[in-house]
Amino acid sequence: MTGWLTEAVPRGRIAAFRTLIYLFVAADLVVFTPWVRTRASVPGELYQPLLVGRLLPLPTPTPTVVAVIFWGLLLAALLAATGRAPRLLGWTVCALYLEWMIIAMSYGKVDHDRFGLLVALAVLPTAGRARHGDTTRTEAGGWALRVTQIAVICTYFLAAFAKLRFGGLDWLTGSVLARAIIRRGTDLADLIAQVPYLLIIAQFGIVAFELLSPVVFLLPARWRLAMVGFFYSFHVVTIATITISFAPHLAAMTSFLPLERVRPLVWARRLAGREPRTPTTEPAVPAPDVDAGPPPSEAQAPVVGRPAGP
């Protein structure tokens, strides 16, 4: 079990995963959750912190508190994406993003698609230094990726558990997807909804897929990547039908992928024609000695065996 948890991975994979996660945090602030900044204008008595917010001495959101967290987190995430000071910047991003999520989710709604991302931010600082393209293997980095993978799969499995716990079997045979399509469905969803019983079949399929998601850890590498591809395709369909993205979850799920093969800077250099030339095996031609003057011409060269004088 310990060997499975700490299965060594290339450091280049850690470097790529770290850059992707921290860049996503920066994008999350300005693209996906900029609405959190509006919490600063909400009366403080409406702030009902989550359990972790009640256990920790965290301040009630105010315009100053929210602004400091936003700008501090944005700067720290961009710096952490470079791979420098992985522990200092990593722990800083983890703490600030956790507070950002506590503020976001303490007003009546909690999104479960953030769990894998939060775990990734908590374990990345323990992976140590890593450079893009480094093929040296690291067990610490392997542990960080494995824990993130477990969090991703728990998101699926526990979602099914919650459906059956609170909705019972009625969740499978009810109108859950129909209500979602009415609220935020697309034209594609409207076409699917016209097929008899297809939404009921889809609800059974969703719960079955979520309950069986831990099987991904039992598959060989090639089939594991295929199943992760199915996970991504499921979310593509979800976005295309009911416009729910699960973007943080999708970012954390890249922990399953061989990210060390993704080298955008190298590819850009190749496209620009700036890839370093490979050394040749031809012997180098020595440069001429400029101080020795020009070589004697054939007319100036002495004739061997010719007597001197007239």
C-alpha atoms as a PDB file:
ATOM      1  CA  MET A   1       0.000   0.000   0.000  1.00  0.00           C
ATOM      2  CA  THR A   2       2.814   2.396   0.862  1.00  0.00           C
ATOM      3  CA  GLY A   3       4.509   1.678  -2.463  1.00  0.00           C
ATOM      4  CA  TRP A   4       1.268   2.465  -4.294  1.00  0.00           C
ATOM      5  CA  LEU A   5       0.784   5.738  -2.436  1.00  0.00           C
ATOM      6  CA  THR A   6       4.343   6.888  -3.111  1.00  0.00           C
ATOM      7  CA  GLU A   7       4.797   5.520  -6.630  1.00  0.00           C
ATOM      8  CA  ALA A   8       7.605   7.621  -8.113  1.00  0.00           C
ATOM      9  CA  VAL A   9       6.820   9.952 -11.019  1.00  0.00           C
ATOM     10  CA  PRO A  10       9.048  12.207 -13.152  1.00  0.00           C
ATOM     11  CA  ARG A  11       9.774  15.578 -11.610  1.00  0.00           C
ATOM     12  CA  GLY A  12       8.769  17.128 -14.913  1.00  0.00           C
ATOM     13  CA  ARG A  13       5.211  15.909 -14.288  1.00  0.00           C
ATOM     14  CA  ILE A  14       5.179  17.649 -10.919  1.00  0.00           C
ATOM     15  CA  ALA A  15       6.488  20.871 -12.442  1.00  0.00           C
ATOM     16  CA  ALA A  16       3.820  20.822 -15.158  1.00  0.00           C
ATOM     17  CA  PHE A  17       1.016  19.968 -12.716  1.00  0.00           C
ATOM     18  CA  ARG A  18       2.173  22.718 -10.333  1.00  0.00           C
ATOM     19  CA  THR A  19       2.203  25.332 -13.091  1.00  0.00           C
ATOM     20  CA  LEU A  20      -1.233  24.282 -14.326  1.00  0.00           C
ATOM     21  CA  ILE A  21      -2.832  24.301 -10.867  1.00  0.00           C
ATOM     22  CA  TYR A  22      -1.465  27.665  -9.822  1.00  0.00           C
ATOM     23  CA  LEU A  23      -2.364  29.272 -13.140  1.00  0.00           C
ATOM     24  CA  PHE A  24      -5.872  27.873 -12.713  1.00  0.00           C
ATOM     25  CA  VAL A  25      -6.099  29.482  -9.258  1.00  0.00           C
ATOM     26  CA  ALA A  26      -5.225  32.832 -10.816  1.00  0.00           C
ATOM     27  CA  ALA A  27      -7.802  32.282 -13.570  1.00  0.00           C
ATOM     28  CA  ASP A  28     -10.386  31.178 -11.013  1.00  0.00           C
ATOM     29  CA  LEU A  29     -10.143  34.516  -9.237  1.00  0.00           C
ATOM     30  CA  VAL A  30     -10.829  36.590 -12.337  1.00  0.00           C
ATOM     31  CA  VAL A  31     -12.923  34.229 -14.502  1.00  0.00           C
ATOM     32  CA  PHE A  32     -14.835  31.657 -12.446  1.00  0.00           C
ATOM     33  CA  THR A  33     -15.295  33.197  -8.978  1.00  0.00           C
ATOM     34  CA  PRO A  34     -14.952  36.992  -9.291  1.00  0.00           C
ATOM     35  CA  TRP A  35     -18.383  37.163  -7.659  1.00  0.00           C
ATOM     36  CA  VAL A  36     -16.754  36.340  -4.322  1.00  0.00           C
ATOM     37  CA  ARG A  37     -15.598  39.976  -4.166  1.00  0.00           C
ATOM     38  CA  THR A  38     -19.252  41.025  -3.905  1.00  0.00           C
ATOM     39  CA  ARG A  39     -19.396  39.327  -0.494  1.00  0.00           C
ATOM     40  CA  ALA A  40     -17.624  42.382   0.870  1.00  0.00           C
ATOM     41  CA  SER A  41     -20.845  44.387   0.508  1.00  0.00           C
ATOM     42  CA  VAL A  42     -23.047  41.779   2.230  1.00  0.00           C
ATOM     43  CA  PRO A  43     -24.012  42.592   5.854  1.00  0.00           C
ATOM     44  CA  GLY A  44     -21.771  40.743   8.309  1.00  0.00           C
ATOM     45  CA  GLU A  45     -24.698  39.136  10.151  1.00  0.00           C
ATOM     46  CA  LEU A  46     -25.462  37.099   7.018  1.00  0.00           C
ATOM     47  CA  TYR A  47     -22.028  35.463   7.156  1.00  0.00           C
ATOM     48  CA  GLN A  48     -22.502  31.889   8.398  1.00  0.00           C
ATOM     49  CA  PRO A  49     -19.026  30.323   8.158  1.00  0.00           C
ATOM     50  CA  LEU A  50     -18.463  26.674   7.421  1.00  0.00           C
ATOM     51  CA  LEU A  51     -17.196  24.415  10.200  1.00  0.00           C
ATOM     52  CA  VAL A  52     -13.562  25.161   9.378  1.00  0.00           C
ATOM     53  CA  GLY A  53     -14.396  28.854   9.472  1.00  0.00           C
ATOM     54  CA  ARG A  54     -15.896  28.431  12.923  1.00  0.00           C
ATOM     55  CA  LEU A  55     -12.934  26.437  14.237  1.00  0.00           C
ATOM     56  CA  LEU A  56     -10.333  28.906  12.960  1.00  0.00           C
ATOM     57  CA  PRO A  57     -10.255  32.545  14.103  1.00  0.00           C
ATOM     58  CA  LEU A  58     -11.101  33.918  10.663  1.00  0.00           C
ATOM     59  CA  PRO A  59     -12.395  37.477  10.248  1.00  0.00           C
ATOM     60  CA  THR A  60     -15.833  38.384   8.956  1.00  0.00           C
ATOM     61  CA  PRO A  61     -15.498  39.450   5.296  1.00  0.00           C
ATOM     62  CA  THR A  62     -15.129  43.194   4.842  1.00  0.00           C
ATOM     63  CA  PRO A  63     -14.043  45.208   1.782  1.00  0.00           C
ATOM     64  CA  THR A  64     -10.502  45.390   3.143  1.00  0.00           C
ATOM     65  CA  VAL A  65     -10.268  41.691   4.009  1.00  0.00           C
ATOM     66  CA  VAL A  66     -11.621  40.563   0.638  1.00  0.00           C
ATOM     67  CA  ALA A  67      -9.366  42.952  -1.310  1.00  0.00           C
ATOM     68  CA  VAL A  68      -6.226  41.853   0.560  1.00  0.00           C
ATOM     69  CA  ILE A  69      -7.020  38.167  -0.014  1.00  0.00           C
ATOM     70  CA  PHE A  70      -7.826  38.701  -3.693  1.00  0.00           C
ATOM     71  CA  TRP A  71      -4.699  40.642  -4.637  1.00  0.00           C
ATOM     72  CA  GLY A  72      -2.415  38.643  -2.352  1.00  0.00           C
ATOM     73  CA  LEU A  73      -3.698  35.338  -3.725  1.00  0.00           C
ATOM     74  CA  LEU A  74      -3.477  36.498  -7.335  1.00  0.00           C
ATOM     75  CA  LEU A  75       0.152  37.600  -6.944  1.00  0.00           C
ATOM     76  CA  ALA A  76       1.165  34.502  -4.954  1.00  0.00           C
ATOM     77  CA  ALA A  77      -0.463  32.136  -7.472  1.00  0.00           C
ATOM     78  CA  LEU A  78       1.311  33.736 -10.434  1.00  0.00           C
ATOM     79  CA  LEU A  79       4.658  33.570  -8.638  1.00  0.00           C
ATOM     80  CA  ALA A  80       4.076  29.969  -7.530  1.00  0.00           C
ATOM     81  CA  ALA A  81       3.342  28.950 -11.127  1.00  0.00           C
ATOM     82  CA  THR A  82       7.001  29.656 -11.952  1.00  0.00           C
ATOM     83  CA  GLY A  83       8.092  26.877  -9.573  1.00  0.00           C
ATOM     84  CA  ARG A  84      10.187  29.149  -7.370  1.00  0.00           C
ATOM     85  CA  ALA A  85      10.027  28.825  -3.568  1.00  0.00           C
ATOM     86  CA  PRO A  86       7.594  25.886  -3.874  1.00  0.00           C
ATOM     87  CA  ARG A  87       7.034  25.512  -0.143  1.00  0.00           C
ATOM     88  CA  LEU A  88       6.728  29.173   0.869  1.00  0.00           C
ATOM     89  CA  LEU A  89       4.568  30.208  -2.070  1.00  0.00           C
ATOM     90  CA  GLY A  90       2.695  26.900  -2.071  1.00  0.00           C
ATOM     91  CA  TRP A  91       1.589  27.165   1.543  1.00  0.00           C
ATOM     92  CA  THR A  92       0.698  30.833   0.983  1.00  0.00           C
ATOM     93  CA  VAL A  93      -1.550  30.004  -1.970  1.00  0.00           C
ATOM     94  CA  CYS A  94      -3.121  27.102  -0.067  1.00  0.00           C
ATOM     95  CA  ALA A  95      -3.992  29.254   2.963  1.00  0.00           C
ATOM     96  CA  LEU A  96      -5.309  32.212   0.958  1.00  0.00           C
ATOM     97  CA  TYR A  97      -7.372  30.062  -1.418  1.00  0.00           C
ATOM     98  CA  LEU A  98      -8.886  28.142   1.490  1.00  0.00           C
ATOM     99  CA  GLU A  99     -10.003  31.453   3.010  1.00  0.00           C
ATOM    100  CA  TRP A 100     -11.293  32.565  -0.405  1.00  0.00           C
ATOM    101  CA  MET A 101     -13.437  29.422  -0.576  1.00  0.00           C
ATOM    102  CA  ILE A 102     -14.659  29.815   3.010  1.00  0.00           C
ATOM    103  CA  ILE A 103     -15.872  33.299   2.133  1.00  0.00           C
ATOM    104  CA  ALA A 104     -17.473  32.020  -1.091  1.00  0.00           C
ATOM    105  CA  MET A 105     -19.288  29.071   0.498  1.00  0.00           C
ATOM    106  CA  SER A 106     -20.449  30.598   3.791  1.00  0.00           C
ATOM    107  CA  TYR A 107     -23.649  32.141   2.442  1.00  0.00           C
ATOM    108  CA  GLY A 108     -25.806  29.055   1.900  1.00  0.00           C
ATOM    109  CA  LYS A 109     -24.269  27.138  -1.043  1.00  0.00           C
ATOM    110  CA  VAL A 110     -21.297  24.738  -1.068  1.00  0.00           C
ATOM    111  CA  ASP A 111     -19.809  23.477  -4.351  1.00  0.00           C
ATOM    112  CA  HIS A 112     -18.325  19.988  -4.219  1.00  0.00           C
ATOM    113  CA  ASP A 113     -16.189  20.479  -7.343  1.00  0.00           C
ATOM    114  CA  ARG A 114     -13.515  22.304  -5.289  1.00  0.00           C
ATOM    115  CA  PHE A 115     -12.476  19.360  -3.140  1.00  0.00           C
ATOM    116  CA  GLY A 116      -9.814  17.914  -5.452  1.00  0.00           C
ATOM    117  CA  LEU A 117      -8.310  21.337  -6.123  1.00  0.00           C
ATOM    118  CA  LEU A 118      -8.067  22.150  -2.415  1.00  0.00           C
ATOM    119  CA  VAL A 119      -6.324  18.842  -1.747  1.00  0.00           C
ATOM    120  CA  ALA A 120      -3.902  19.501  -4.618  1.00  0.00           C
ATOM    121  CA  LEU A 121      -3.021  22.908  -3.147  1.00  0.00           C
ATOM    122  CA  ALA A 122      -2.471  21.299   0.265  1.00  0.00           C
ATOM    123  CA  VAL A 123      -0.063  18.597  -0.967  1.00  0.00           C
ATOM    124  CA  LEU A 124       1.857  20.379  -3.734  1.00  0.00           C
ATOM    125  CA  PRO A 125       4.163  22.214  -1.297  1.00  0.00           C
ATOM    126  CA  THR A 126       5.362  18.820  -0.025  1.00  0.00           C
ATOM    127  CA  ALA A 127       6.525  17.714  -3.493  1.00  0.00           C
ATOM    128  CA  GLY A 128       9.690  19.828  -3.350  1.00  0.00           C
ATOM    129  CA  ARG A 129      11.484  21.441  -6.270  1.00  0.00           C
ATOM    130  CA  ALA A 130      10.850  20.249  -9.811  1.00  0.00           C
ATOM    131  CA  ARG A 131      11.850  21.508 -13.231  1.00  0.00           C
ATOM    132  CA  HIS A 132       9.995  21.101 -16.502  1.00  0.00           C
ATOM    133  CA  GLY A 133      11.373  18.251 -18.552  1.00  0.00           C
ATOM    134  CA  ASP A 134      13.234  16.633 -15.643  1.00  0.00           C
ATOM    135  CA  THR A 135      12.971  12.848 -15.942  1.00  0.00           C
ATOM    136  CA  THR A 136      14.316  12.170 -12.442  1.00  0.00           C
ATOM    137  CA  ARG A 137      11.685  10.312 -10.425  1.00  0.00           C
ATOM    138  CA  THR A 138      10.404  11.451  -7.056  1.00  0.00           C
ATOM    139  CA  GLU A 139       8.359   9.569  -4.474  1.00  0.00           C
ATOM    140  CA  ALA A 140       7.323  12.786  -2.713  1.00  0.00           C
ATOM    141  CA  GLY A 141       5.847  14.061  -5.970  1.00  0.00           C
ATOM    142  CA  GLY A 142       4.196  10.705  -6.568  1.00  0.00           C
ATOM    143  CA  TRP A 143       2.511  10.908  -3.175  1.00  0.00           C
ATOM    144  CA  ALA A 144       1.213  14.417  -3.933  1.00  0.00           C
ATOM    145  CA  LEU A 145      -0.312  13.267  -7.212  1.00  0.00           C
ATOM    146  CA  ARG A 146      -1.775  10.079  -5.705  1.00  0.00           C
ATOM    147  CA  VAL A 147      -3.499  11.950  -2.881  1.00  0.00           C
ATOM    148  CA  THR A 148      -4.958  14.386  -5.415  1.00  0.00           C
ATOM    149  CA  GLN A 149      -6.203  11.470  -7.521  1.00  0.00           C
ATOM    150  CA  ILE A 150      -7.893   9.922  -4.494  1.00  0.00           C
ATOM    151  CA  ALA A 151      -9.613  13.250  -3.768  1.00  0.00           C
ATOM    152  CA  VAL A 152     -10.844  13.447  -7.375  1.00  0.00           C
ATOM    153  CA  ILE A 153     -12.340   9.948  -7.239  1.00  0.00           C
ATOM    154  CA  CYS A 154     -13.850  10.608  -3.799  1.00  0.00           C
ATOM    155  CA  THR A 155     -15.648  13.585  -5.356  1.00  0.00           C
ATOM    156  CA  TYR A 156     -17.429  11.200  -7.717  1.00  0.00           C
ATOM    157  CA  PHE A 157     -18.071   8.375  -5.261  1.00  0.00           C
ATOM    158  CA  LEU A 158     -19.298  10.594  -2.427  1.00  0.00           C
ATOM    159  CA  ALA A 159     -21.524  12.508  -4.852  1.00  0.00           C
ATOM    160  CA  ALA A 160     -23.341   9.266  -5.637  1.00  0.00           C
ATOM    161  CA  PHE A 161     -23.526   8.471  -1.927  1.00  0.00           C
ATOM    162  CA  ALA A 162     -25.085  11.890  -1.269  1.00  0.00           C
ATOM    163  CA  LYS A 163     -27.618  11.416  -4.081  1.00  0.00           C
ATOM    164  CA  LEU A 164     -28.799   8.120  -2.627  1.00  0.00           C
ATOM    165  CA  ARG A 165     -28.627   9.343   0.970  1.00  0.00           C
ATOM    166  CA  PHE A 166     -30.741  12.469   0.507  1.00  0.00           C
ATOM    167  CA  GLY A 167     -32.729  11.597  -2.613  1.00  0.00           C
ATOM    168  CA  GLY A 168     -33.034   7.868  -2.220  1.00  0.00           C
ATOM    169  CA  LEU A 169     -34.082   5.745  -5.168  1.00  0.00           C
ATOM    170  CA  ASP A 170     -36.359   8.591  -6.231  1.00  0.00           C
ATOM    171  CA  TRP A 171     -33.241  10.412  -7.462  1.00  0.00           C
ATOM    172  CA  LEU A 172     -32.831   7.700 -10.076  1.00  0.00           C
ATOM    173  CA  THR A 173     -36.428   7.725 -11.290  1.00  0.00           C
ATOM    174  CA  GLY A 174     -37.335  11.350 -10.607  1.00  0.00           C
ATOM    175  CA  SER A 175     -37.075  14.530 -12.688  1.00  0.00           C
ATOM    176  CA  VAL A 176     -33.649  15.758 -11.546  1.00  0.00           C
ATOM    177  CA  LEU A 177     -32.196  16.225 -15.024  1.00  0.00           C
ATOM    178  CA  ALA A 178     -35.489  17.523 -16.367  1.00  0.00           C
ATOM    179  CA  ARG A 179     -35.501  20.327 -13.776  1.00  0.00           C
ATOM    180  CA  ALA A 180     -31.844  21.104 -14.555  1.00  0.00           C
ATOM    181  CA  ILE A 181     -32.658  21.383 -18.262  1.00  0.00           C
ATOM    182  CA  ILE A 182     -35.609  23.674 -17.551  1.00  0.00           C
ATOM    183  CA  ARG A 183     -33.424  25.955 -15.412  1.00  0.00           C
ATOM    184  CA  ARG A 184     -30.225  26.122 -17.471  1.00  0.00           C
ATOM    185  CA  GLY A 185     -30.502  23.718 -20.400  1.00  0.00           C
ATOM    186  CA  THR A 186     -29.154  24.333 -23.903  1.00  0.00           C
ATOM    187  CA  ASP A 187     -30.666  23.599 -27.320  1.00  0.00           C
ATOM    188  CA  LEU A 188     -28.865  20.254 -27.301  1.00  0.00           C
ATOM    189  CA  ALA A 189     -30.435  19.411 -23.950  1.00  0.00           C
ATOM    190  CA  ASP A 190     -33.881  20.268 -25.305  1.00  0.00           C
ATOM    191  CA  LEU A 191     -33.366  17.768 -28.132  1.00  0.00           C
ATOM    192  CA  ILE A 192     -32.244  15.049 -25.705  1.00  0.00           C
ATOM    193  CA  ALA A 193     -35.195  15.694 -23.397  1.00  0.00           C
ATOM    194  CA  GLN A 194     -37.617  14.822 -26.189  1.00  0.00           C
ATOM    195  CA  VAL A 195     -36.391  11.207 -26.312  1.00  0.00           C
ATOM    196  CA  PRO A 196     -38.663   9.096 -24.044  1.00  0.00           C
ATOM    197  CA  TYR A 197     -37.021   7.737 -20.894  1.00  0.00           C
ATOM    198  CA  LEU A 198     -33.562   8.911 -21.973  1.00  0.00           C
ATOM    199  CA  LEU A 199     -33.205  11.245 -18.967  1.00  0.00           C
ATOM    200  CA  ILE A 200     -34.141   8.438 -16.569  1.00  0.00           C
ATOM    201  CA  ILE A 201     -31.564   6.170 -18.204  1.00  0.00           C
ATOM    202  CA  ALA A 202     -29.014   8.978 -17.912  1.00  0.00           C
ATOM    203  CA  GLN A 203     -29.696   9.339 -14.171  1.00  0.00           C
ATOM    204  CA  PHE A 204     -29.084   5.622 -13.646  1.00  0.00           C
ATOM    205  CA  GLY A 205     -25.921   5.929 -15.726  1.00  0.00           C
ATOM    206  CA  ILE A 206     -24.608   8.886 -13.727  1.00  0.00           C
ATOM    207  CA  VAL A 207     -24.970   7.115 -10.388  1.00  0.00           C
ATOM    208  CA  ALA A 208     -23.459   3.902 -11.761  1.00  0.00           C
ATOM    209  CA  PHE A 209     -20.510   5.807 -13.228  1.00  0.00           C
ATOM    210  CA  GLU A 210     -19.867   7.629  -9.944  1.00  0.00           C
ATOM    211  CA  LEU A 211     -20.090   4.465  -7.834  1.00  0.00           C
ATOM    212  CA  LEU A 212     -17.723   2.595 -10.160  1.00  0.00           C
ATOM    213  CA  SER A 213     -15.196   5.443 -10.486  1.00  0.00           C
ATOM    214  CA  PRO A 214     -12.698   3.868  -7.983  1.00  0.00           C
ATOM    215  CA  VAL A 215     -12.141   1.096 -10.543  1.00  0.00           C
ATOM    216  CA  VAL A 216      -9.762   3.520 -12.286  1.00  0.00           C
ATOM    217  CA  PHE A 217      -7.062   2.592  -9.749  1.00  0.00           C
ATOM    218  CA  LEU A 218      -7.274  -1.095 -10.683  1.00  0.00           C
ATOM    219  CA  LEU A 219      -6.732  -0.632 -14.412  1.00  0.00           C
ATOM    220  CA  PRO A 220      -3.454  -0.843 -16.352  1.00  0.00           C
ATOM    221  CA  ALA A 221      -1.934   2.476 -17.378  1.00  0.00           C
ATOM    222  CA  ARG A 222      -3.405   2.568 -20.898  1.00  0.00           C
ATOM    223  CA  TRP A 223      -6.931   1.689 -19.757  1.00  0.00           C
ATOM    224  CA  ARG A 224      -6.629   4.082 -16.846  1.00  0.00           C
ATOM    225  CA  LEU A 225      -5.980   6.960 -19.252  1.00  0.00           C
ATOM    226  CA  ALA A 226      -8.926   5.801 -21.360  1.00  0.00           C
ATOM    227  CA  MET A 227     -11.214   5.888 -18.317  1.00  0.00           C
ATOM    228  CA  VAL A 228      -9.949   9.355 -17.368  1.00  0.00           C
ATOM    229  CA  GLY A 229     -10.748  10.388 -20.938  1.00  0.00           C
ATOM    230  CA  PHE A 230     -14.283   9.103 -20.355  1.00  0.00           C
ATOM    231  CA  PHE A 231     -14.455  11.256 -17.203  1.00  0.00           C
ATOM    232  CA  TYR A 232     -13.554  14.313 -19.248  1.00  0.00           C
ATOM    233  CA  SER A 233     -16.056  13.425 -21.976  1.00  0.00           C
ATOM    234  CA  PHE A 234     -18.771  13.154 -19.314  1.00  0.00           C
ATOM    235  CA  HIS A 235     -18.058  16.735 -18.253  1.00  0.00           C
ATOM    236  CA  VAL A 236     -18.007  17.918 -21.864  1.00  0.00           C
ATOM    237  CA  VAL A 237     -21.543  16.570 -22.226  1.00  0.00           C
ATOM    238  CA  THR A 238     -22.508  18.197 -18.926  1.00  0.00           C
ATOM    239  CA  ILE A 239     -21.267  21.586 -20.117  1.00  0.00           C
ATOM    240  CA  ALA A 240     -22.948  21.176 -23.497  1.00  0.00           C
ATOM    241  CA  THR A 241     -26.340  20.279 -21.993  1.00  0.00           C
ATOM    242  CA  ILE A 242     -26.800  21.977 -18.606  1.00  0.00           C
ATOM    243  CA  THR A 243     -23.813  24.419 -18.676  1.00  0.00           C
ATOM    244  CA  ILE A 244     -22.156  23.158 -15.483  1.00  0.00           C
ATOM    245  CA  SER A 245     -18.381  23.128 -15.948  1.00  0.00           C
ATOM    246  CA  PHE A 246     -16.780  21.609 -12.800  1.00  0.00           C
ATOM    247  CA  ALA A 247     -13.626  23.478 -13.885  1.00  0.00           C
ATOM    248  CA  PRO A 248     -11.714  23.117 -10.568  1.00  0.00           C
ATOM    249  CA  HIS A 249     -12.385  19.381 -10.587  1.00  0.00           C
ATOM    250  CA  LEU A 250     -11.173  19.092 -14.182  1.00  0.00           C
ATOM    251  CA  ALA A 251      -7.949  20.905 -13.272  1.00  0.00           C
ATOM    252  CA  ALA A 252      -7.292  18.543 -10.351  1.00  0.00           C
ATOM    253  CA  MET A 253      -8.041  15.514 -12.558  1.00  0.00           C
ATOM    254  CA  THR A 254      -4.973  16.309 -14.684  1.00  0.00           C
ATOM    255  CA  SER A 255      -3.058  14.571 -11.862  1.00  0.00           C
ATOM    256  CA  PHE A 256      -3.830  11.350 -13.778  1.00  0.00           C
ATOM    257  CA  LEU A 257      -2.198  12.566 -16.997  1.00  0.00           C
ATOM    258  CA  PRO A 258       1.458  12.301 -18.145  1.00  0.00           C
ATOM    259  CA  LEU A 259       1.853  16.057 -18.122  1.00  0.00           C
ATOM    260  CA  GLU A 260       5.629  15.874 -18.492  1.00  0.00           C
ATOM    261  CA  ARG A 261       5.023  15.277 -22.212  1.00  0.00           C
ATOM    262  CA  VAL A 262       3.327  18.670 -22.534  1.00  0.00           C
ATOM    263  CA  ARG A 263       6.104  21.178 -23.296  1.00  0.00           C
ATOM    264  CA  PRO A 264       4.474  24.335 -24.710  1.00  0.00           C
ATOM    265  CA  LEU A 265       7.661  26.428 -24.491  1.00  0.00           C
ATOM    266  CA  VAL A 266       9.679  23.822 -26.383  1.00  0.00           C
ATOM    267  CA  TRP A 267       6.964  23.555 -29.020  1.00  0.00           C
ATOM    268  CA  ALA A 268       6.864  27.364 -29.364  1.00  0.00           C
ATOM    269  CA  ARG A 269      10.641  27.486 -29.873  1.00  0.00           C
ATOM    270  CA  ARG A 270      10.409  24.820 -32.556  1.00  0.00           C
ATOM    271  CA  LEU A 271       7.663  26.713 -34.364  1.00  0.00           C
ATOM    272  CA  ALA A 272       9.727  29.894 -34.177  1.00  0.00           C
ATOM    273  CA  GLY A 273      12.797  28.087 -35.480  1.00  0.00           C
ATOM    274  CA  ARG A 274      14.797  28.750 -32.320  1.00  0.00           C
ATOM    275  CA  GLU A 275      15.348  25.133 -31.305  1.00  0.00           C
ATOM    276  CA  PRO A 276      19.073  24.613 -30.518  1.00  0.00           C
ATOM    277  CA  ARG A 277      20.966  22.881 -33.314  1.00  0.00           C
ATOM    278  CA  THR A 278      22.282  19.426 -32.686  1.00  0.00           C
ATOM    279  CA  PRO A 279      26.093  19.185 -32.714  1.00  0.00           C
ATOM    280  CA  THR A 280      27.698  17.773 -35.886  1.00  0.00           C
ATOM    281  CA  THR A 281      30.321  15.031 -36.020  1.00  0.00           C
ATOM    282  CA  GLU A 282      32.396  16.617 -38.824  1.00  0.00           C
ATOM    283  CA  PRO A 283      35.886  17.717 -37.752  1.00  0.00           C
ATOM    284  CA  ALA A 284      36.318  21.417 -37.360  1.00  0.00           C
ATOM    285  CA  VAL A 285      38.455  23.200 -39.961  1.00  0.00           C
ATOM    286  CA  PRO A 286      41.215  25.237 -38.278  1.00  0.00           C
ATOM    287  CA  ALA A 287      41.103  28.931 -38.940  1.00  0.00           C
ATOM    288  CA  PRO A 288      44.000  30.403 -40.892  1.00  0.00           C
ATOM    289  CA  ASP A 289      46.808  32.153 -39.033  1.00  0.00           C
ATOM    290  CA  VAL A 290      46.258  35.813 -39.878  1.00  0.00           C
ATOM    291  CA  ASP A 291      49.706  36.820 -38.556  1.00  0.00           C
ATOM    292  CA  ALA A 292      51.586  34.543 -40.928  1.00  0.00           C
ATOM    293  CA  GLY A 293      50.582  36.492 -44.021  1.00  0.00           C
ATOM    294  CA  PRO A 294      49.262  35.060 -47.276  1.00  0.00           C
ATOM    295  CA  PRO A 295      50.632  31.686 -48.458  1.00  0.00           C
ATOM    296  CA  PRO A 296      53.388  31.907 -51.089  1.00  0.00           C
ATOM    297  CA  SER A 297      52.201  31.677 -54.675  1.00  0.00           C
ATOM    298  CA  GLU A 298      53.459  29.058 -57.067  1.00  0.00           C
ATOM    299  CA  ALA A 299      55.656  31.691 -58.834  1.00  0.00           C
ATOM    300  CA  GLN A 300      57.243  32.793 -55.547  1.00  0.00           C
ATOM    301  CA  ALA A 301      57.935  29.286 -54.306  1.00  0.00           C
ATOM    302  CA  PRO A 302      61.646  28.262 -54.617  1.00  0.00           C
ATOM    303  CA  VAL A 303      62.485  25.694 -57.257  1.00  0.00           C
ATOM    304  CA  VAL A 304      64.204  22.685 -55.767  1.00  0.00           C
ATOM    305  CA  GLY A 305      67.549  21.851 -57.412  1.00  0.00           C
ATOM    306  CA  ARG A 306      67.913  25.134 -59.371  1.00  0.00           C
ATOM    307  CA  PRO A 307      71.404  26.725 -58.934  1.00  0.00           C
ATOM    308  CA  ALA A 308      71.623  30.170 -57.428  1.00  0.00           C
ATOM    309  CA  GLY A 309      72.967  33.225 -59.293  1.00  0.00           C
ATOM    310  CA  PRO A 310      72.947  34.021 -63.073  1.00  0.00           C
END
